[in-house]
PDB file of N, CA and C in Angstrom:
ATOM      1  N   MET A   1     -33.693  22.892 177.223  1.00  0.00           N
ATOM      2  CA  MET A   1     -33.446  21.247 178.031  1.00  0.00           C
ATOM      3  C   MET A   1     -35.090  21.127 177.935  1.00  0.00           C
ATOM      4  N   ARG A   2     -35.355  19.855 177.868  1.00  0.00           N
ATOM      5  CA  ARG A   2     -36.498  19.252 178.515  1.00  0.00           C
ATOM      6  C   ARG A   2     -36.818  18.858 179.706  1.00  0.00           C
ATOM      7  N   THR A   3     -38.185  19.253 179.880  1.00  0.00           N
ATOM      8  CA  THR A   3     -38.403  19.209 181.790  1.00  0.00           C
ATOM      9  C   THR A   3     -39.130  17.838 181.735  1.00  0.00           C
ATOM     10  N   VAL A   4     -38.749  17.576 182.975  1.00  0.00           N
ATOM     11  CA  VAL A   4     -39.238  16.879 183.564  1.00  0.00           C
ATOM     12  C   VAL A   4     -40.253  15.783 182.727  1.00  0.00           C
ATOM     13  N   SER A   5     -41.290  16.681 183.114  1.00  0.00           N
ATOM     14  CA  SER A   5     -42.956  16.537 182.558  1.00  0.00           C
ATOM     15  C   SER A   5     -43.024  15.721 181.064  1.00  0.00           C
ATOM     16  N   ALA A   6     -42.053  16.837 180.142  1.00  0.00           N
ATOM     17  CA  ALA A   6     -42.251  15.997 178.931  1.00  0.00           C
ATOM     18  C   ALA A   6     -41.097  14.944 178.777  1.00  0.00           C
ATOM     19  N   ALA A   7     -40.284  14.718 179.218  1.00  0.00           N
ATOM     20  CA  ALA A   7     -39.456  13.288 179.030  1.00  0.00           C
ATOM     21  C   ALA A   7     -40.237  12.172 179.866  1.00  0.00           C
ATOM     22  N   CYS A   8     -40.723  12.370 181.000  1.00  0.00           N
ATOM     23  CA  CYS A   8     -41.793  11.143 181.185  1.00  0.00           C
ATOM     24  C   CYS A   8     -42.809  10.948 180.334  1.00  0.00           C
ATOM     25  N   GLY A   9     -43.600  12.059 179.612  1.00  0.00           N
ATOM     26  CA  GLY A   9     -44.466  12.170 179.059  1.00  0.00           C
ATOM     27  C   GLY A   9     -43.930  11.130 177.876  1.00  0.00           C
ATOM     28  N   GLU A  10     -42.891  11.506 176.941  1.00  0.00           N
ATOM     29  CA  GLU A  10     -42.454  10.981 175.983  1.00  0.00           C
ATOM     30  C   GLU A  10     -42.590   9.420 176.334  1.00  0.00           C
ATOM     31  N   LEU A  11     -41.915   9.216 177.419  1.00  0.00           N
ATOM     32  CA  LEU A  11     -41.768   7.589 177.855  1.00  0.00           C
ATOM     33  C   LEU A  11     -42.979   6.982 177.666  1.00  0.00           C
ATOM     34  N   VAL A  12     -44.389   7.841 178.675  1.00  0.00           N
ATOM     35  CA  VAL A  12     -45.369   7.211 178.983  1.00  0.00           C
ATOM     36  C   VAL A  12     -46.130   6.437 177.145  1.00  0.00           C
ATOM     37  N   ASP A  13     -45.989   8.136 176.496  1.00  0.00           N
ATOM     38  CA  ASP A  13     -46.100   7.677 174.958  1.00  0.00           C
ATOM     39  C   ASP A  13     -45.543   6.215 174.099  1.00  0.00           C
ATOM     40  N   ALA A  14     -44.652   6.411 174.309  1.00  0.00           N
ATOM     41  CA  ALA A  14     -43.734   5.104 173.646  1.00  0.00           C
ATOM     42  C   ALA A  14     -44.090   3.695 174.317  1.00  0.00           C
ATOM     43  N   LEU A  15     -44.283   3.784 175.726  1.00  0.00           N
ATOM     44  CA  LEU A  15     -44.882   2.412 176.118  1.00  0.00           C
ATOM     45  C   LEU A  15     -45.928   2.193 175.867  1.00  0.00           C
ATOM     46  N   THR A  16     -46.924   3.277 175.680  1.00  0.00           N
ATOM     47  CA  THR A  16     -48.397   3.535 175.543  1.00  0.00           C
ATOM     48  C   THR A  16     -48.472   2.804 173.890  1.00  0.00           C
ATOM     49  N   ALA A  17     -47.723   3.664 172.911  1.00  0.00           N
ATOM     50  CA  ALA A  17     -47.564   3.167 171.739  1.00  0.00           C
ATOM     51  C   ALA A  17     -47.316   1.832 171.644  1.00  0.00           C
ATOM     52  N   ALA A  18     -46.472   1.115 172.501  1.00  0.00           N
ATOM     53  CA  ALA A  18     -45.852  -0.409 172.514  1.00  0.00           C
ATOM     54  C   ALA A  18     -46.759  -1.319 172.746  1.00  0.00           C
ATOM     55  N   GLY A  19     -47.901  -0.797 173.180  1.00  0.00           N
ATOM     56  CA  GLY A  19     -48.991  -2.109 173.708  1.00  0.00           C
ATOM     57  C   GLY A  19     -49.316  -1.998 175.274  1.00  0.00           C
ATOM     58  N   PHE A  20     -48.163  -0.775 175.644  1.00  0.00           N
ATOM     59  CA  PHE A  20     -48.539  -0.958 177.860  1.00  0.00           C
ATOM     60  C   PHE A  20     -49.872  -0.403 178.235  1.00  0.00           C
ATOM     61  N   ARG A  21     -49.835  -0.503 179.273  1.00  0.00           N
ATOM     62  CA  ARG A  21     -50.735   0.751 180.012  1.00  0.00           C
ATOM     63  C   ARG A  21     -49.479   1.274 180.883  1.00  0.00           C
ATOM     64  N   ALA A  22     -49.367   2.579 180.866  1.00  0.00           N
ATOM     65  CA  ALA A  22     -48.593   3.082 181.087  1.00  0.00           C
ATOM     66  C   ALA A  22     -48.877   4.684 182.007  1.00  0.00           C
ATOM     67  N   SER A  23     -48.396   5.408 183.117  1.00  0.00           N
ATOM     68  CA  SER A  23     -48.474   6.716 183.446  1.00  0.00           C
ATOM     69  C   SER A  23     -47.837   6.962 184.623  1.00  0.00           C
ATOM     70  N   VAL A  24     -47.524   8.105 185.076  1.00  0.00           N
ATOM     71  CA  VAL A  24     -47.089   8.793 185.979  1.00  0.00           C
ATOM     72  C   VAL A  24     -48.048   9.032 187.204  1.00  0.00           C
ATOM     73  N   ASP A  25     -49.334   8.707 186.649  1.00  0.00           N
ATOM     74  CA  ASP A  25     -50.244   8.739 187.813  1.00  0.00           C
ATOM     75  C   ASP A  25     -50.539   7.525 188.620  1.00  0.00           C
ATOM     76  N   PRO A  26     -50.500   6.937 189.372  1.00  0.00           N
ATOM     77  CA  PRO A  26     -50.928   5.589 189.881  1.00  0.00           C
ATOM     78  C   PRO A  26     -52.255   5.451 190.006  1.00  0.00           C
ATOM     79  N   GLU A  27     -52.704   6.557 190.032  1.00  0.00           N
ATOM     80  CA  GLU A  27     -54.537   6.400 190.118  1.00  0.00           C
ATOM     81  C   GLU A  27     -55.347   5.727 188.508  1.00  0.00           C
ATOM     82  N   GLN A  28     -54.552   6.377 187.719  1.00  0.00           N
ATOM     83  CA  GLN A  28     -54.647   5.954 186.423  1.00  0.00           C
ATOM     84  C   GLN A  28     -54.432   4.467 185.641  1.00  0.00           C
ATOM     85  N   LEU A  29     -54.065   3.712 186.581  1.00  0.00           N
ATOM     86  CA  LEU A  29     -53.142   2.367 186.176  1.00  0.00           C
ATOM     87  C   LEU A  29     -53.891   1.255 186.445  1.00  0.00           C
ATOM     88  N   VAL A  30     -54.383   0.589 185.301  1.00  0.00           N
ATOM     89  CA  VAL A  30     -55.114  -0.841 185.202  1.00  0.00           C
ATOM     90  C   VAL A  30     -54.352  -1.953 185.122  1.00  0.00           C
ATOM     91  N   THR A  31     -54.428  -2.368 186.275  1.00  0.00           N
ATOM     92  CA  THR A  31     -53.404  -3.653 186.397  1.00  0.00           C
ATOM     93  C   THR A  31     -53.861  -5.224 185.781  1.00  0.00           C
ATOM     94  N   ASP A  32     -54.864  -5.217 185.171  1.00  0.00           N
ATOM     95  CA  ASP A  32     -55.356  -6.184 184.694  1.00  0.00           C
ATOM     96  C   ASP A  32     -54.890  -6.227 183.280  1.00  0.00           C
ATOM     97  N   PRO A  33     -54.442  -7.164 182.644  1.00  0.00           N
ATOM     98  CA  PRO A  33     -53.281  -8.071 182.956  1.00  0.00           C
ATOM     99  C   PRO A  33     -51.877  -7.583 183.703  1.00  0.00           C
ATOM    100  N   GLY A  34     -51.569  -6.269 182.976  1.00  0.00           N
ATOM    101  CA  GLY A  34     -50.363  -5.445 183.743  1.00  0.00           C
ATOM    102  C   GLY A  34     -50.551  -3.739 183.410  1.00  0.00           C
ATOM    103  N   CYS A  35     -49.485  -3.575 183.792  1.00  0.00           N
ATOM    104  CA  CYS A  35     -48.959  -1.884 183.542  1.00  0.00           C
ATOM    105  C   CYS A  35     -47.877  -1.385 184.139  1.00  0.00           C
ATOM    106  N   VAL A  36     -47.469  -0.020 183.815  1.00  0.00           N
ATOM    107  CA  VAL A  36     -46.214   0.145 183.796  1.00  0.00           C
ATOM    108  C   VAL A  36     -46.319   1.528 184.651  1.00  0.00           C
ATOM    109  N   TRP A  37     -45.696   1.615 185.872  1.00  0.00           N
ATOM    110  CA  TRP A  37     -46.148   3.253 186.669  1.00  0.00           C
ATOM    111  C   TRP A  37     -44.731   3.748 186.301  1.00  0.00           C
ATOM    112  N   VAL A  38     -44.544   4.828 185.855  1.00  0.00           N
ATOM    113  CA  VAL A  38     -43.073   5.507 185.221  1.00  0.00           C
ATOM    114  C   VAL A  38     -42.717   6.659 186.435  1.00  0.00           C
ATOM    115  N   GLN A  39     -42.529   6.501 187.435  1.00  0.00           N
ATOM    116  CA  GLN A  39     -42.072   7.475 188.524  1.00  0.00           C
ATOM    117  C   GLN A  39     -40.889   8.319 188.390  1.00  0.00           C
ATOM    118  N   PRO A  40     -40.535   9.601 188.213  1.00  0.00           N
ATOM    119  CA  PRO A  40     -39.565   9.858 188.140  1.00  0.00           C
ATOM    120  C   PRO A  40     -38.691  10.464 189.668  1.00  0.00           C
ATOM    121  N   ARG A  41     -37.489   9.829 189.616  1.00  0.00           N
ATOM    122  CA  ARG A  41     -36.681   9.827 191.126  1.00  0.00           C
ATOM    123  C   ARG A  41     -35.721  10.821 191.534  1.00  0.00           C
ATOM    124  N   GLU A  42     -34.664  11.230 190.371  1.00  0.00           N
ATOM    125  CA  GLU A  42     -34.016  11.945 190.674  1.00  0.00           C
ATOM    126  C   GLU A  42     -33.442  12.888 188.973  1.00  0.00           C
ATOM    127  N   VAL A  43     -32.728  14.113 188.915  1.00  0.00           N
ATOM    128  CA  VAL A  43     -32.060  14.593 188.091  1.00  0.00           C
ATOM    129  C   VAL A  43     -30.155  14.642 187.929  1.00  0.00           C
ATOM    130  N   ARG A  44     -29.547  13.946 187.730  1.00  0.00           N
ATOM    131  CA  ARG A  44     -28.101  13.923 187.510  1.00  0.00           C
ATOM    132  C   ARG A  44     -27.423  14.774 186.475  1.00  0.00           C
ATOM    133  N   ASP A  45     -26.175  14.794 187.207  1.00  0.00           N
ATOM    134  CA  ASP A  45     -25.267  15.904 185.883  1.00  0.00           C
ATOM    135  C   ASP A  45     -26.119  17.018 184.862  1.00  0.00           C
ATOM    136  N   ALA A  46     -26.515  17.671 185.579  1.00  0.00           N
ATOM    137  CA  ALA A  46     -27.021  18.967 185.265  1.00  0.00           C
ATOM    138  C   ALA A  46     -25.856  19.788 185.160  1.00  0.00           C
ATOM    139  N   THR A  47     -26.354  20.711 184.352  1.00  0.00           N
ATOM    140  CA  THR A  47     -25.694  21.895 183.587  1.00  0.00           C
ATOM    141  C   THR A  47     -26.062  23.153 183.875  1.00  0.00           C
ATOM    142  N   LEU A  48     -25.416  24.056 183.652  1.00  0.00           N
ATOM    143  CA  LEU A  48     -25.832  25.134 183.640  1.00  0.00           C
ATOM    144  C   LEU A  48     -26.694  25.999 182.164  1.00  0.00           C
ATOM    145  N   ALA A  49     -26.148  25.238 181.318  1.00  0.00           N
ATOM    146  CA  ALA A  49     -26.562  25.383 179.878  1.00  0.00           C
ATOM    147  C   ALA A  49     -27.748  24.426 179.397  1.00  0.00           C
ATOM    148  N   GLY A  50     -28.199  24.085 180.782  1.00  0.00           N
ATOM    149  CA  GLY A  50     -29.765  22.670 180.529  1.00  0.00           C
ATOM    150  C   GLY A  50     -29.218  21.444 179.996  1.00  0.00           C
ATOM    151  N   GLY A  51     -30.098  20.503 180.286  1.00  0.00           N
ATOM    152  CA  GLY A  51     -29.748  19.541 180.116  1.00  0.00           C
ATOM    153  C   GLY A  51     -29.282  18.515 181.631  1.00  0.00           C
ATOM    154  N   GLY A  52     -29.420  17.274 181.297  1.00  0.00           N
ATOM    155  CA  GLY A  52     -28.931  16.549 182.010  1.00  0.00           C
ATOM    156  C   GLY A  52     -29.340  15.034 181.855  1.00  0.00           C
ATOM    157  N   THR A  53     -29.292  14.162 183.362  1.00  0.00           N
ATOM    158  CA  THR A  53     -29.859  12.571 182.559  1.00  0.00           C
ATOM    159  C   THR A  53     -31.064  12.918 183.987  1.00  0.00           C
ATOM    160  N   LEU A  54     -32.659  12.674 183.432  1.00  0.00           N
ATOM    161  CA  LEU A  54     -33.370  11.888 184.566  1.00  0.00           C
ATOM    162  C   LEU A  54     -33.339  10.527 184.986  1.00  0.00           C
ATOM    163  N   VAL A  55     -33.288  10.106 186.202  1.00  0.00           N
ATOM    164  CA  VAL A  55     -33.285   8.679 186.110  1.00  0.00           C
ATOM    165  C   VAL A  55     -34.947   8.729 187.069  1.00  0.00           C
ATOM    166  N   VAL A  56     -35.582   7.634 185.821  1.00  0.00           N
ATOM    167  CA  VAL A  56     -37.025   7.114 186.396  1.00  0.00           C
ATOM    168  C   VAL A  56     -36.825   5.917 187.052  1.00  0.00           C
ATOM    169  N   TRP A  57     -38.135   5.540 187.382  1.00  0.00           N
ATOM    170  CA  TRP A  57     -38.155   4.382 187.873  1.00  0.00           C
ATOM    171  C   TRP A  57     -39.185   4.067 187.314  1.00  0.00           C
ATOM    172  N   LEU A  58     -39.162   2.556 186.547  1.00  0.00           N
ATOM    173  CA  LEU A  58     -40.648   1.513 186.178  1.00  0.00           C
ATOM    174  C   LEU A  58     -40.631   1.145 186.628  1.00  0.00           C
ATOM    175  N   TYR A  59     -42.016   0.301 187.621  1.00  0.00           N
ATOM    176  CA  TYR A  59     -42.529  -0.543 187.672  1.00  0.00           C
ATOM    177  C   TYR A  59     -43.864  -1.111 187.032  1.00  0.00           C
ATOM    178  N   LEU A  60     -43.075  -2.166 187.046  1.00  0.00           N
ATOM    179  CA  LEU A  60     -44.348  -2.984 186.073  1.00  0.00           C
ATOM    180  C   LEU A  60     -44.779  -3.963 186.688  1.00  0.00           C
ATOM    181  N   ILE A  61     -46.003  -3.873 186.819  1.00  0.00           N
ATOM    182  CA  ILE A  61     -47.533  -4.362 188.026  1.00  0.00           C
ATOM    183  C   ILE A  61     -47.887  -5.453 187.072  1.00  0.00           C
ATOM    184  N   VAL A  62     -48.790  -6.243 188.030  1.00  0.00           N
ATOM    185  CA  VAL A  62     -49.399  -6.865 187.423  1.00  0.00           C
ATOM    186  C   VAL A  62     -50.359  -7.033 188.148  1.00  0.00           C
ATOM    187  N   ALA A  63     -51.484  -8.207 187.951  1.00  0.00           N
ATOM    188  CA  ALA A  63     -53.160  -8.317 189.065  1.00  0.00           C
ATOM    189  C   ALA A  63     -52.561  -8.997 190.309  1.00  0.00           C
ATOM    190  N   ASP A  64     -52.884  -9.074 191.114  1.00  0.00           N
ATOM    191  CA  ASP A  64     -53.114 -10.225 192.075  1.00  0.00           C
ATOM    192  C   ASP A  64     -53.405 -11.544 191.367  1.00  0.00           C
ATOM    193  N   VAL A  65     -52.583 -12.295 191.076  1.00  0.00           N
ATOM    194  CA  VAL A  65     -52.653 -13.747 190.810  1.00  0.00           C
ATOM    195  C   VAL A  65     -51.754 -14.264 191.078  1.00  0.00           C
ATOM    196  N   GLU A  66     -51.746 -15.942 190.642  1.00  0.00           N
ATOM    197  CA  GLU A  66     -50.756 -16.890 191.489  1.00  0.00           C
ATOM    198  C   GLU A  66     -49.502 -16.813 190.682  1.00  0.00           C
ATOM    199  N   THR A  67     -48.518 -16.891 191.721  1.00  0.00           N
ATOM    200  CA  THR A  67     -46.839 -16.416 191.681  1.00  0.00           C
ATOM    201  C   THR A  67     -46.732 -16.785 190.545  1.00  0.00           C
ATOM    202  N   GLU A  68     -46.844 -17.922 189.751  1.00  0.00           N
ATOM    203  CA  GLU A  68     -46.179 -18.604 188.162  1.00  0.00           C
ATOM    204  C   GLU A  68     -46.945 -17.286 187.153  1.00  0.00           C
ATOM    205  N   GLN A  69     -48.119 -17.372 187.405  1.00  0.00           N
ATOM    206  CA  GLN A  69     -48.855 -16.298 186.227  1.00  0.00           C
ATOM    207  C   GLN A  69     -48.190 -14.697 186.625  1.00  0.00           C
ATOM    208  N   ALA A  70     -47.965 -14.232 187.838  1.00  0.00           N
ATOM    209  CA  ALA A  70     -47.444 -13.395 187.786  1.00  0.00           C
ATOM    210  C   ALA A  70     -46.155 -13.111 187.638  1.00  0.00           C
ATOM    211  N   MET A  71     -45.582 -14.066 187.506  1.00  0.00           N
ATOM    212  CA  MET A  71     -43.857 -14.246 187.065  1.00  0.00           C
ATOM    213  C   MET A  71     -44.088 -13.946 185.468  1.00  0.00           C
ATOM    214  N   THR A  72     -44.806 -15.253 185.076  1.00  0.00           N
ATOM    215  CA  THR A  72     -44.888 -14.854 183.628  1.00  0.00           C
ATOM    216  C   THR A  72     -45.530 -13.750 183.063  1.00  0.00           C
ATOM    217  N   LEU A  73     -46.570 -13.126 183.445  1.00  0.00           N
ATOM    218  CA  LEU A  73     -46.652 -11.751 182.698  1.00  0.00           C
ATOM    219  C   LEU A  73     -45.999 -10.330 183.237  1.00  0.00           C
ATOM    220  N   LEU A  74     -44.763 -10.574 184.375  1.00  0.00           N
ATOM    221  CA  LEU A  74     -43.757  -9.732 184.494  1.00  0.00           C
ATOM    222  C   LEU A  74     -42.631 -10.013 183.219  1.00  0.00           C
ATOM    223  N   ASP A  75     -42.418 -11.218 183.473  1.00  0.00           N
ATOM    224  CA  ASP A  75     -41.010 -11.434 182.522  1.00  0.00           C
ATOM    225  C   ASP A  75     -41.445 -10.988 181.396  1.00  0.00           C
ATOM    226  N   ASP A  76     -42.560 -11.243 180.891  1.00  0.00           N
ATOM    227  CA  ASP A  76     -43.101 -10.923 179.302  1.00  0.00           C
ATOM    228  C   ASP A  76     -43.176  -9.029 179.043  1.00  0.00           C
ATOM    229  N   THR A  77     -43.955  -8.942 180.212  1.00  0.00           N
ATOM    230  CA  THR A  77     -43.444  -7.027 180.208  1.00  0.00           C
ATOM    231  C   THR A  77     -42.093  -6.768 180.508  1.00  0.00           C
ATOM    232  N   LEU A  78     -41.593  -7.289 181.378  1.00  0.00           N
ATOM    233  CA  LEU A  78     -39.959  -6.885 181.358  1.00  0.00           C
ATOM    234  C   LEU A  78     -39.138  -7.126 180.294  1.00  0.00           C
ATOM    235  N   ASP A  79     -39.170  -7.878 179.000  1.00  0.00           N
ATOM    236  CA  ASP A  79     -38.639  -8.311 177.967  1.00  0.00           C
ATOM    237  C   ASP A  79     -39.063  -7.096 176.928  1.00  0.00           C
ATOM    238  N   GLY A  80     -40.562  -6.787 176.959  1.00  0.00           N
ATOM    239  CA  GLY A  80     -41.104  -5.685 175.794  1.00  0.00           C
ATOM    240  C   GLY A  80     -40.499  -4.215 176.359  1.00  0.00           C
ATOM    241  N   VAL A  81     -40.441  -4.194 177.607  1.00  0.00           N
ATOM    242  CA  VAL A  81     -39.968  -2.369 178.037  1.00  0.00           C
ATOM    243  C   VAL A  81     -38.740  -2.616 177.707  1.00  0.00           C
ATOM    244  N   LEU A  82     -37.670  -3.845 177.858  1.00  0.00           N
ATOM    245  CA  LEU A  82     -36.609  -3.445 177.719  1.00  0.00           C
ATOM    246  C   LEU A  82     -36.142  -3.325 176.325  1.00  0.00           C
ATOM    247  N   ALA A  83     -36.936  -3.875 175.442  1.00  0.00           N
ATOM    248  CA  ALA A  83     -36.868  -3.355 173.920  1.00  0.00           C
ATOM    249  C   ALA A  83     -37.158  -1.785 173.669  1.00  0.00           C
ATOM    250  N   LEU A  84     -37.492  -0.815 174.611  1.00  0.00           N
ATOM    251  CA  LEU A  84     -37.736   0.364 174.708  1.00  0.00           C
ATOM    252  C   LEU A  84     -36.810   1.286 175.286  1.00  0.00           C
ATOM    253  N   VAL A  85     -36.145   0.797 176.332  1.00  0.00           N
ATOM    254  CA  VAL A  85     -35.483   1.613 177.338  1.00  0.00           C
ATOM    255  C   VAL A  85     -34.124   0.559 178.051  1.00  0.00           C
ATOM    256  N   ALA A  86     -33.195   1.372 178.226  1.00  0.00           N
ATOM    257  CA  ALA A  86     -31.676   1.227 178.835  1.00  0.00           C
ATOM    258  C   ALA A  86     -32.160   0.601 180.179  1.00  0.00           C
ATOM    259  N   VAL A  87     -31.808   0.005 180.492  1.00  0.00           N
ATOM    260  CA  VAL A  87     -31.442  -0.139 182.528  1.00  0.00           C
ATOM    261  C   VAL A  87     -30.560   1.181 182.556  1.00  0.00           C
ATOM    262  N   ALA A  88     -30.437   1.448 183.781  1.00  0.00           N
ATOM    263  CA  ALA A  88     -29.851   3.103 184.029  1.00  0.00           C
ATOM    264  C   ALA A  88     -28.393   2.702 184.492  1.00  0.00           C
ATOM    265  N   ALA A  89     -27.516   2.977 183.938  1.00  0.00           N
ATOM    266  CA  ALA A  89     -26.307   2.939 184.669  1.00  0.00           C
ATOM    267  C   ALA A  89     -25.871   3.024 186.205  1.00  0.00           C
ATOM    268  N   SER A  90     -26.688   3.991 186.252  1.00  0.00           N
ATOM    269  CA  SER A  90     -26.327   4.563 187.908  1.00  0.00           C
ATOM    270  C   SER A  90     -27.190   3.341 188.741  1.00  0.00           C
ATOM    271  N   ASP A  91     -28.257   2.667 188.183  1.00  0.00           N
ATOM    272  CA  ASP A  91     -29.127   1.550 188.725  1.00  0.00           C
ATOM    273  C   ASP A  91     -29.189   0.638 188.259  1.00  0.00           C
ATOM    274  N   ASP A  92     -28.354  -0.177 188.036  1.00  0.00           N
ATOM    275  CA  ASP A  92     -28.749  -1.017 187.047  1.00  0.00           C
ATOM    276  C   ASP A  92     -28.916  -2.568 187.271  1.00  0.00           C
ATOM    277  N   VAL A  93     -29.141  -2.493 188.641  1.00  0.00           N
ATOM    278  CA  VAL A  93     -30.018  -4.075 189.080  1.00  0.00           C
ATOM    279  C   VAL A  93     -31.737  -3.885 189.430  1.00  0.00           C
ATOM    280  N   ILE A  94     -32.063  -4.740 188.429  1.00  0.00           N
ATOM    281  CA  ILE A  94     -33.887  -4.853 188.084  1.00  0.00           C
ATOM    282  C   ILE A  94     -34.318  -5.753 189.306  1.00  0.00           C
ATOM    283  N   ASP A  95     -34.991  -5.340 190.043  1.00  0.00           N
ATOM    284  CA  ASP A  95     -35.490  -5.660 191.597  1.00  0.00           C
ATOM    285  C   ASP A  95     -36.817  -6.494 190.996  1.00  0.00           C
ATOM    286  N   LEU A  96     -36.867  -7.826 191.373  1.00  0.00           N
ATOM    287  CA  LEU A  96     -37.910  -8.574 190.850  1.00  0.00           C
ATOM    288  C   LEU A  96     -38.494  -8.970 191.967  1.00  0.00           C
ATOM    289  N   SER A  97     -38.521  -8.459 193.396  1.00  0.00           N
ATOM    290  CA  SER A  97     -39.081  -8.799 194.440  1.00  0.00           C
ATOM    291  C   SER A  97     -39.904  -7.482 194.870  1.00  0.00           C
ATOM    292  N   SER A  98     -40.128  -6.433 194.051  1.00  0.00           N
ATOM    293  CA  SER A  98     -41.198  -5.113 194.508  1.00  0.00           C
ATOM    294  C   SER A  98     -42.694  -5.615 194.421  1.00  0.00           C
ATOM    295  N   ALA A  99     -43.468  -5.050 195.383  1.00  0.00           N
ATOM    296  CA  ALA A  99     -44.813  -5.330 195.451  1.00  0.00           C
ATOM    297  C   ALA A  99     -44.949  -3.971 195.494  1.00  0.00           C
ATOM    298  N   VAL A 100     -46.411  -3.545 194.901  1.00  0.00           N
ATOM    299  CA  VAL A 100     -46.684  -2.033 194.811  1.00  0.00           C
ATOM    300  C   VAL A 100     -48.103  -1.929 195.614  1.00  0.00           C
ATOM    301  N   ILE A 101     -48.499  -1.081 196.026  1.00  0.00           N
ATOM    302  CA  ILE A 101     -49.929  -1.007 196.994  1.00  0.00           C
ATOM    303  C   ILE A 101     -50.486   0.576 196.225  1.00  0.00           C
ATOM    304  N   LEU A 102     -51.587  -0.062 195.272  1.00  0.00           N
ATOM    305  CA  LEU A 102     -51.877   1.495 194.270  1.00  0.00           C
ATOM    306  C   LEU A 102     -53.078   1.901 194.940  1.00  0.00           C
ATOM    307  N   PRO A 103     -53.257   3.466 194.472  1.00  0.00           N
ATOM    308  CA  PRO A 103     -54.794   3.578 195.427  1.00  0.00           C
ATOM    309  C   PRO A 103     -56.283   3.315 194.818  1.00  0.00           C
ATOM    310  N   SER A 104     -55.905   2.395 193.315  1.00  0.00           N
ATOM    311  CA  SER A 104     -57.078   1.365 193.420  1.00  0.00           C
ATOM    312  C   SER A 104     -57.670   0.195 193.984  1.00  0.00           C
ATOM    313  N   ASN A 105     -56.537  -0.054 194.609  1.00  0.00           N
ATOM    314  CA  ASN A 105     -56.494  -1.049 195.500  1.00  0.00           C
ATOM    315  C   ASN A 105     -55.553  -1.527 196.515  1.00  0.00           C
ATOM    316  N   PRO A 106     -56.431  -0.712 197.708  1.00  0.00           N
ATOM    317  CA  PRO A 106     -55.127  -0.398 199.050  1.00  0.00           C
ATOM    318  C   PRO A 106     -55.154  -0.939 199.845  1.00  0.00           C
ATOM    319  N   THR A 107     -55.626  -2.459 199.645  1.00  0.00           N
ATOM    320  CA  THR A 107     -55.606  -3.371 200.671  1.00  0.00           C
ATOM    321  C   THR A 107     -54.189  -4.471 200.222  1.00  0.00           C
ATOM    322  N   THR A 108     -54.223  -4.684 199.136  1.00  0.00           N
ATOM    323  CA  THR A 108     -53.527  -5.447 198.715  1.00  0.00           C
ATOM    324  C   THR A 108     -52.138  -5.211 197.992  1.00  0.00           C
ATOM    325  N   PRO A 109     -50.770  -5.600 198.406  1.00  0.00           N
ATOM    326  CA  PRO A 109     -49.510  -5.676 197.598  1.00  0.00           C
ATOM    327  C   PRO A 109     -49.552  -6.149 196.509  1.00  0.00           C
ATOM    328  N   LEU A 110     -49.503  -5.553 194.931  1.00  0.00           N
ATOM    329  CA  LEU A 110     -49.629  -6.300 193.253  1.00  0.00           C
ATOM    330  C   LEU A 110     -48.148  -6.613 192.993  1.00  0.00           C
ATOM    331  N   PRO A 111     -47.666  -7.894 192.608  1.00  0.00           N
ATOM    332  CA  PRO A 111     -46.466  -8.481 192.172  1.00  0.00           C
ATOM    333  C   PRO A 111     -46.197  -7.159 191.137  1.00  0.00           C
ATOM    334  N   ALA A 112     -44.723  -6.890 191.260  1.00  0.00           N
ATOM    335  CA  ALA A 112     -44.033  -6.191 190.451  1.00  0.00           C
ATOM    336  C   ALA A 112     -42.797  -6.198 190.251  1.00  0.00           C
ATOM    337  N   TYR A 113     -41.990  -6.320 189.278  1.00  0.00           N
ATOM    338  CA  TYR A 113     -40.857  -5.510 189.523  1.00  0.00           C
ATOM    339  C   TYR A 113     -40.258  -4.472 188.851  1.00  0.00           C
ATOM    340  N   ARG A 114     -39.172  -3.569 189.227  1.00  0.00           N
ATOM    341  CA  ARG A 114     -38.693  -2.730 189.246  1.00  0.00           C
ATOM    342  C   ARG A 114     -37.294  -2.389 188.683  1.00  0.00           C
ATOM    343  N   LEU A 115     -37.127  -1.432 187.478  1.00  0.00           N
ATOM    344  CA  LEU A 115     -36.239  -1.399 187.347  1.00  0.00           C
ATOM    345  C   LEU A 115     -35.899   0.608 186.862  1.00  0.00           C
ATOM    346  N   ALA A 116     -34.393   0.833 186.748  1.00  0.00           N
ATOM    347  CA  ALA A 116     -34.396   2.399 186.732  1.00  0.00           C
ATOM    348  C   ALA A 116     -33.503   2.517 185.064  1.00  0.00           C
ATOM    349  N   ALA A 117     -34.508   3.521 184.492  1.00  0.00           N
ATOM    350  CA  ALA A 117     -33.732   4.311 183.375  1.00  0.00           C
ATOM    351  C   ALA A 117     -33.491   5.211 183.037  1.00  0.00           C
ATOM    352  N   ASP A 118     -32.704   6.219 182.506  1.00  0.00           N
ATOM    353  CA  ASP A 118     -32.068   7.407 182.416  1.00  0.00           C
ATOM    354  C   ASP A 118     -32.410   7.912 181.065  1.00  0.00           C
ATOM    355  N   LEU A 119     -32.793   9.359 181.038  1.00  0.00           N
ATOM    356  CA  LEU A 119     -33.697   9.692 180.500  1.00  0.00           C
ATOM    357  C   LEU A 119     -32.906  11.107 179.807  1.00  0.00           C
ATOM    358  N   ASP A 120     -32.891  11.434 179.065  1.00  0.00           N
ATOM    359  CA  ASP A 120     -32.103  12.826 178.257  1.00  0.00           C
ATOM    360  C   ASP A 120     -32.996  13.849 178.625  1.00  0.00           C
ATOM    361  N   LEU A 121     -32.058  14.957 179.284  1.00  0.00           N
ATOM    362  CA  LEU A 121     -33.220  16.065 179.686  1.00  0.00           C
ATOM    363  C   LEU A 121     -32.779  17.206 179.033  1.00  0.00           C
TER     364      LEU A 121
END
């Protein structure tokens, strides 16, 4: 059975290899022009033999720019991320109205999309 840490690490590595700035640690994210925050949420269907499904939320985050520019950056990021992961069957809504406050910018909510993905453990 893969650990939560290993599954998230492999996803971060895949996102990074595809050209995205990605991390599970929000303090490491650089939002100019954008980044992906990988946030583990829950394990489903765990078995005694090991394995299960890890649900992660992917926050696609961009800098505090004009609305139209933010939407363009977020749409481009979404297209690229969807080429790497499938939206989770358990949470198949892509939230287009998320906003994220990061430690590096604690006073300004940043534009973001949020989607869930299922990872095998």
